[in-house]
Amino acid sequence: MVRGGDAGPRQLRPGEALRIGRHHENDIVLRDSVVSRFHATLRWDQDADRPVLYDNGSQNGTNVNGRDVIGRAEPLPTGSVRVTVGPYALTVDVHGLDERSPVPALIEDAPDSVALFSEQGPEVKGSLEVPDAMRQLLLRLECERRTGTLQLDLPGGKAQVTFGVGRIMDASFQGLIGLRALDRVAQATHGSYRFTREMEPSDQAMNLWFSDFLRMKHDSYYATRQWKRPKELGGE
């Protein structure tokens, strides 16, 4: 159960997701300029033992129980969890988990924080049915630090995007490759997708975070005012 924001309590069950941000198409709308348009996603995959909070590479990050989460995933423990997004404090009450199942650990001493479950992450497949679904999908694979190939069947033809520990290594679409292909894929609004753990190494890898690509190509997507966290919320 998620409480906070402009709407009333929202319930999240296995197989569901809640999008959080200032854009009106989010499930939980937080109307403040320090909140990114599509700031974070709270997702509970059908085959996962607990929900996970994904920060979608937001300008000001997300905070989970005092822990800063920026551009990555944070599994939620059982009980009452405080999620802070700018000046908003959301309460996520997590029930029904097996207490014997530990929260997946994260590797914090590496240059890039990599979730240990990233290589054995949940199956990712489905269709693009809501606005901005493609960007959300690419950001999710970045946050989960996945390695493999995203295969896409789009109205204009087939495409694929290769990931290496969350970074985009290669992209192709109808004769286009690299950044031009990625730009076309990111604009897709309809189609189906499937992520596989198979990948073909590229001689000229792009080695690019999708969140950085969005900042370079679509500044309006991240037109968010920087926010200095008050001392009582852990700021300087």
Protein backbone atom coordinates (compact mmCIF):
# COMPACT_ATOMS: atom_id res chain seq x y z
CA MET A 1 0.00 0.00 0.00
CA VAL A 2 1.41 3.37 -1.06
CA ARG A 3 0.29 6.58 0.64
CA GLY A 4 1.18 10.16 -0.24
CA GLY A 5 1.01 12.55 -3.19
CA ASP A 6 -2.07 14.17 -4.65
CA ALA A 7 -4.12 10.97 -4.89
CA GLY A 8 -5.35 8.62 -2.22
CA PRO A 9 -3.76 5.31 -1.16
CA ARG A 10 -2.68 3.04 -4.02
CA GLN A 11 -2.29 -0.72 -3.79
CA LEU A 12 0.50 -2.59 -5.58
CA ARG A 13 0.29 -6.35 -6.18
CA PRO A 14 2.75 -8.79 -7.81
CA GLY A 15 2.80 -8.20 -11.55
CA GLU A 16 1.96 -4.49 -11.23
CA ALA A 17 3.85 -1.19 -11.29
CA LEU A 18 3.22 2.39 -10.19
CA ARG A 19 4.88 5.32 -11.95
CA ILE A 20 5.85 8.35 -9.86
CA GLY A 21 6.55 11.86 -11.19
CA ARG A 22 5.17 15.30 -11.88
CA HIS A 23 3.71 14.46 -15.32
CA HIS A 24 -0.05 13.95 -15.24
CA GLU A 25 0.23 10.49 -16.86
CA ASN A 26 1.96 9.03 -13.80
CA ASP A 27 0.03 6.86 -11.34
CA ILE A 28 1.26 8.97 -8.42
CA VAL A 29 1.53 12.63 -9.45
CA LEU A 30 3.83 14.90 -7.41
CA ARG A 31 3.33 18.47 -8.63
CA ASP A 32 6.62 20.19 -7.88
CA SER A 33 9.35 21.45 -10.20
CA VAL A 34 12.06 19.53 -8.31
CA VAL A 35 10.33 16.25 -9.24
CA SER A 36 11.27 14.87 -12.67
CA ARG A 37 8.46 14.26 -15.15
CA PHE A 38 8.85 10.49 -14.86
CA HIS A 39 10.88 10.37 -11.66
CA ALA A 40 10.69 6.79 -10.40
CA THR A 41 8.85 3.50 -10.76
CA LEU A 42 7.69 1.17 -8.02
CA ARG A 43 7.49 -2.29 -9.59
CA TRP A 44 6.65 -5.76 -8.28
CA ASP A 45 7.45 -8.35 -10.92
CA GLN A 46 5.27 -11.43 -10.95
CA ASP A 47 8.16 -13.80 -10.21
CA ALA A 48 9.93 -11.52 -7.71
CA ASP A 49 9.68 -11.99 -3.95
CA ARG A 50 9.34 -8.27 -3.18
CA PRO A 51 8.73 -4.85 -4.81
CA VAL A 52 11.62 -2.76 -6.10
CA LEU A 53 11.94 1.03 -6.36
CA TYR A 54 13.64 2.22 -9.58
CA ASP A 55 14.92 5.78 -9.82
CA ASN A 56 14.64 6.66 -13.52
CA GLY A 57 17.86 8.68 -13.65
CA SER A 58 16.06 11.64 -12.07
CA GLN A 59 17.66 15.05 -11.61
CA ASN A 60 17.42 15.03 -7.80
CA GLY A 61 17.28 11.34 -7.03
CA THR A 62 15.03 9.40 -4.68
CA ASN A 63 15.61 8.49 -1.04
CA VAL A 64 14.54 5.18 0.51
CA ASN A 65 14.70 5.01 4.32
CA GLY A 66 17.56 7.55 4.32
CA ARG A 67 19.43 5.87 1.48
CA ASP A 68 19.94 7.90 -1.72
CA VAL A 69 18.92 6.06 -4.88
CA ILE A 70 19.92 7.73 -8.16
CA GLY A 71 19.61 5.89 -11.46
CA ARG A 72 19.43 2.41 -9.96
CA ALA A 73 17.18 -0.07 -8.17
CA GLU A 74 16.46 -0.48 -4.45
CA PRO A 75 14.60 -3.61 -3.24
CA LEU A 76 12.13 -2.75 -0.48
CA PRO A 77 12.16 -4.54 2.88
CA THR A 78 9.03 -5.66 4.70
CA GLY A 79 7.24 -3.19 6.95
CA SER A 80 6.81 0.57 6.59
CA VAL A 81 9.22 2.17 4.10
CA ARG A 82 9.70 5.93 3.69
CA VAL A 83 10.30 7.05 0.10
CA THR A 84 11.26 10.71 -0.30
CA VAL A 85 10.92 12.44 -3.68
CA GLY A 86 11.87 16.11 -3.41
CA PRO A 87 9.63 17.66 -0.74
CA TYR A 88 7.22 14.71 -0.81
CA ALA A 89 7.34 11.80 1.62
CA LEU A 90 5.56 8.63 0.51
CA THR A 91 4.89 5.74 2.86
CA VAL A 92 5.05 2.25 1.37
CA ASP A 93 3.67 -0.46 3.65
CA VAL A 94 5.04 -3.79 2.42
CA HIS A 95 3.10 -6.83 3.63
CA GLY A 96 3.10 -10.56 2.99
CA LEU A 97 6.80 -11.14 2.39
CA ASP A 98 8.67 -14.18 3.58
CA GLU A 99 10.89 -12.85 6.37
CA ARG A 100 13.40 -15.63 5.68
CA SER A 101 14.00 -14.26 2.18
CA PRO A 102 16.73 -11.63 2.48
CA VAL A 103 16.69 -8.33 0.64
CA PRO A 104 19.00 -8.70 -2.39
CA ALA A 105 22.33 -7.04 -1.71
CA LEU A 106 23.98 -4.40 -3.85
CA ILE A 107 27.66 -4.11 -4.69
CA GLU A 108 28.59 -0.65 -3.40
CA ASP A 109 32.38 -0.72 -3.75
CA ALA A 110 32.33 -0.94 -7.54
CA PRO A 111 32.50 2.14 -9.83
CA ASP A 112 28.94 1.33 -10.91
CA SER A 113 26.55 -0.05 -8.31
CA VAL A 114 25.36 -3.38 -9.74
CA ALA A 115 22.43 -5.28 -8.30
CA LEU A 116 23.52 -8.86 -7.71
CA PHE A 117 20.29 -10.09 -9.22
CA SER A 118 20.85 -8.16 -12.46
CA GLU A 119 22.20 -11.13 -14.43
CA GLN A 120 19.38 -13.33 -13.16
CA GLY A 121 16.73 -10.63 -13.28
CA PRO A 122 13.06 -11.23 -14.03
CA GLU A 123 11.84 -11.96 -17.54
CA VAL A 124 11.04 -8.81 -19.44
CA LYS A 125 8.52 -9.00 -22.27
CA GLY A 126 5.27 -7.33 -23.22
CA SER A 127 3.78 -4.57 -25.33
CA LEU A 128 3.98 -0.79 -25.37
CA GLU A 129 0.56 0.35 -24.26
CA VAL A 130 0.98 3.66 -22.41
CA PRO A 131 2.66 6.96 -23.37
CA ASP A 132 6.39 7.02 -22.69
CA ALA A 133 6.45 3.24 -22.21
CA MET A 134 9.57 2.81 -24.37
CA ARG A 135 11.61 5.30 -22.38
CA GLN A 136 10.44 3.70 -19.16
CA LEU A 137 11.48 0.28 -20.47
CA LEU A 138 14.97 1.42 -21.49
CA LEU A 139 15.44 3.22 -18.16
CA ARG A 140 14.32 0.10 -16.31
CA LEU A 141 16.96 -2.04 -18.04
CA GLU A 142 19.54 0.61 -17.14
CA CYS A 143 18.44 0.71 -13.50
CA GLU A 144 18.52 -3.08 -13.24
CA ARG A 145 22.00 -3.13 -14.83
CA ARG A 146 20.86 -5.82 -17.25
CA THR A 147 23.10 -7.51 -19.81
CA GLY A 148 21.55 -8.86 -22.99
CA THR A 149 19.52 -7.79 -26.01
CA LEU A 150 16.17 -6.01 -26.15
CA GLN A 151 14.36 -7.30 -29.24
CA LEU A 152 11.59 -5.03 -30.53
CA ASP A 153 8.81 -5.47 -33.08
CA LEU A 154 7.76 -1.90 -33.93
CA PRO A 155 5.31 -0.54 -36.53
CA GLY A 156 8.27 0.52 -38.72
CA GLY A 157 10.04 -2.82 -38.47
CA LYS A 158 12.22 -4.82 -36.12
CA ALA A 159 14.84 -3.26 -33.87
CA GLN A 160 17.23 -4.32 -31.16
CA VAL A 161 19.17 -2.61 -28.39
CA THR A 162 22.11 -4.37 -26.72
CA PHE A 163 22.89 -3.74 -23.05
CA GLY A 164 26.06 -4.39 -21.06
CA VAL A 165 25.56 -4.03 -17.29
CA GLY A 166 22.92 -1.37 -17.90
CA ARG A 167 24.79 0.58 -20.57
CA ILE A 168 23.61 0.62 -24.17
CA MET A 169 26.32 -0.96 -26.28
CA ASP A 170 24.61 -1.05 -29.67
CA ALA A 171 21.29 -0.25 -31.37
CA SER A 172 19.86 -0.99 -34.80
CA PHE A 173 16.57 -0.24 -36.55
CA GLN A 174 15.68 -0.55 -40.25
CA GLY A 175 19.18 0.10 -41.57
CA LEU A 176 20.03 2.69 -38.91
CA ILE A 177 22.67 1.96 -36.28
CA GLY A 178 24.04 3.63 -33.17
CA LEU A 179 22.62 6.93 -31.94
CA ARG A 180 20.33 7.41 -34.94
CA ALA A 181 18.73 4.02 -34.33
CA LEU A 182 18.44 4.63 -30.58
CA ASP A 183 16.75 7.98 -31.21
CA ARG A 184 14.12 6.33 -33.43
CA VAL A 185 13.58 3.48 -30.97
CA ALA A 186 13.16 5.88 -28.04
CA GLN A 187 10.35 7.66 -29.88
CA ALA A 188 8.33 4.46 -30.47
CA THR A 189 4.86 4.47 -28.90
CA HIS A 190 3.54 1.07 -30.02
CA GLY A 191 4.94 -2.41 -30.46
CA SER A 192 6.07 -5.46 -28.53
CA TYR A 193 9.34 -6.32 -26.85
CA ARG A 194 11.31 -9.19 -25.35
CA PHE A 195 14.62 -9.06 -23.46
CA THR A 196 17.04 -11.97 -23.81
CA ARG A 197 20.36 -12.63 -22.07
CA GLU A 198 22.00 -13.31 -25.43
CA MET A 199 24.16 -10.57 -26.93
CA GLU A 200 26.67 -10.07 -29.72
CA PRO A 201 29.73 -8.01 -28.77
CA SER A 202 30.24 -4.90 -30.89
CA ASP A 203 33.59 -3.69 -32.23
CA GLN A 204 32.44 -0.09 -31.78
CA ALA A 205 30.37 -0.18 -28.61
CA MET A 206 28.35 2.95 -27.79
CA ASN A 207 28.84 2.41 -24.04
CA LEU A 208 26.13 4.94 -23.19
CA TRP A 209 23.69 5.32 -20.30
CA PHE A 210 20.20 5.86 -21.70
CA SER A 211 19.52 8.48 -19.01
CA ASP A 212 22.52 10.47 -20.33
CA PHE A 213 21.17 10.10 -23.87
CA LEU A 214 17.87 11.60 -22.74
CA ARG A 215 19.60 14.52 -21.11
CA MET A 216 21.57 15.22 -24.31
CA LYS A 217 18.76 14.75 -26.83
CA HIS A 218 15.63 15.68 -24.92
CA ASP A 219 16.45 18.30 -22.30
CA SER A 220 12.76 19.05 -21.81
CA TYR A 221 12.27 15.49 -20.55
CA TYR A 222 14.48 16.32 -17.59
CA ALA A 223 13.63 20.03 -17.24
CA THR A 224 13.70 19.79 -13.48
CA ARG A 225 14.82 22.34 -10.92
CA GLN A 226 17.68 21.21 -8.70
CA TRP A 227 16.69 20.69 -5.09
CA LYS A 228 18.83 21.04 -2.00
CA ARG A 229 17.70 18.57 0.63
CA PRO A 230 16.82 20.22 3.98
CA LYS A 231 19.00 19.25 6.94
CA GLU A 232 16.17 17.32 8.59
CA LEU A 233 16.01 15.12 5.47
CA GLY A 234 19.71 14.40 5.40
CA GLY A 235 21.03 17.48 3.55
CA GLU A 236 24.10 19.50 4.40
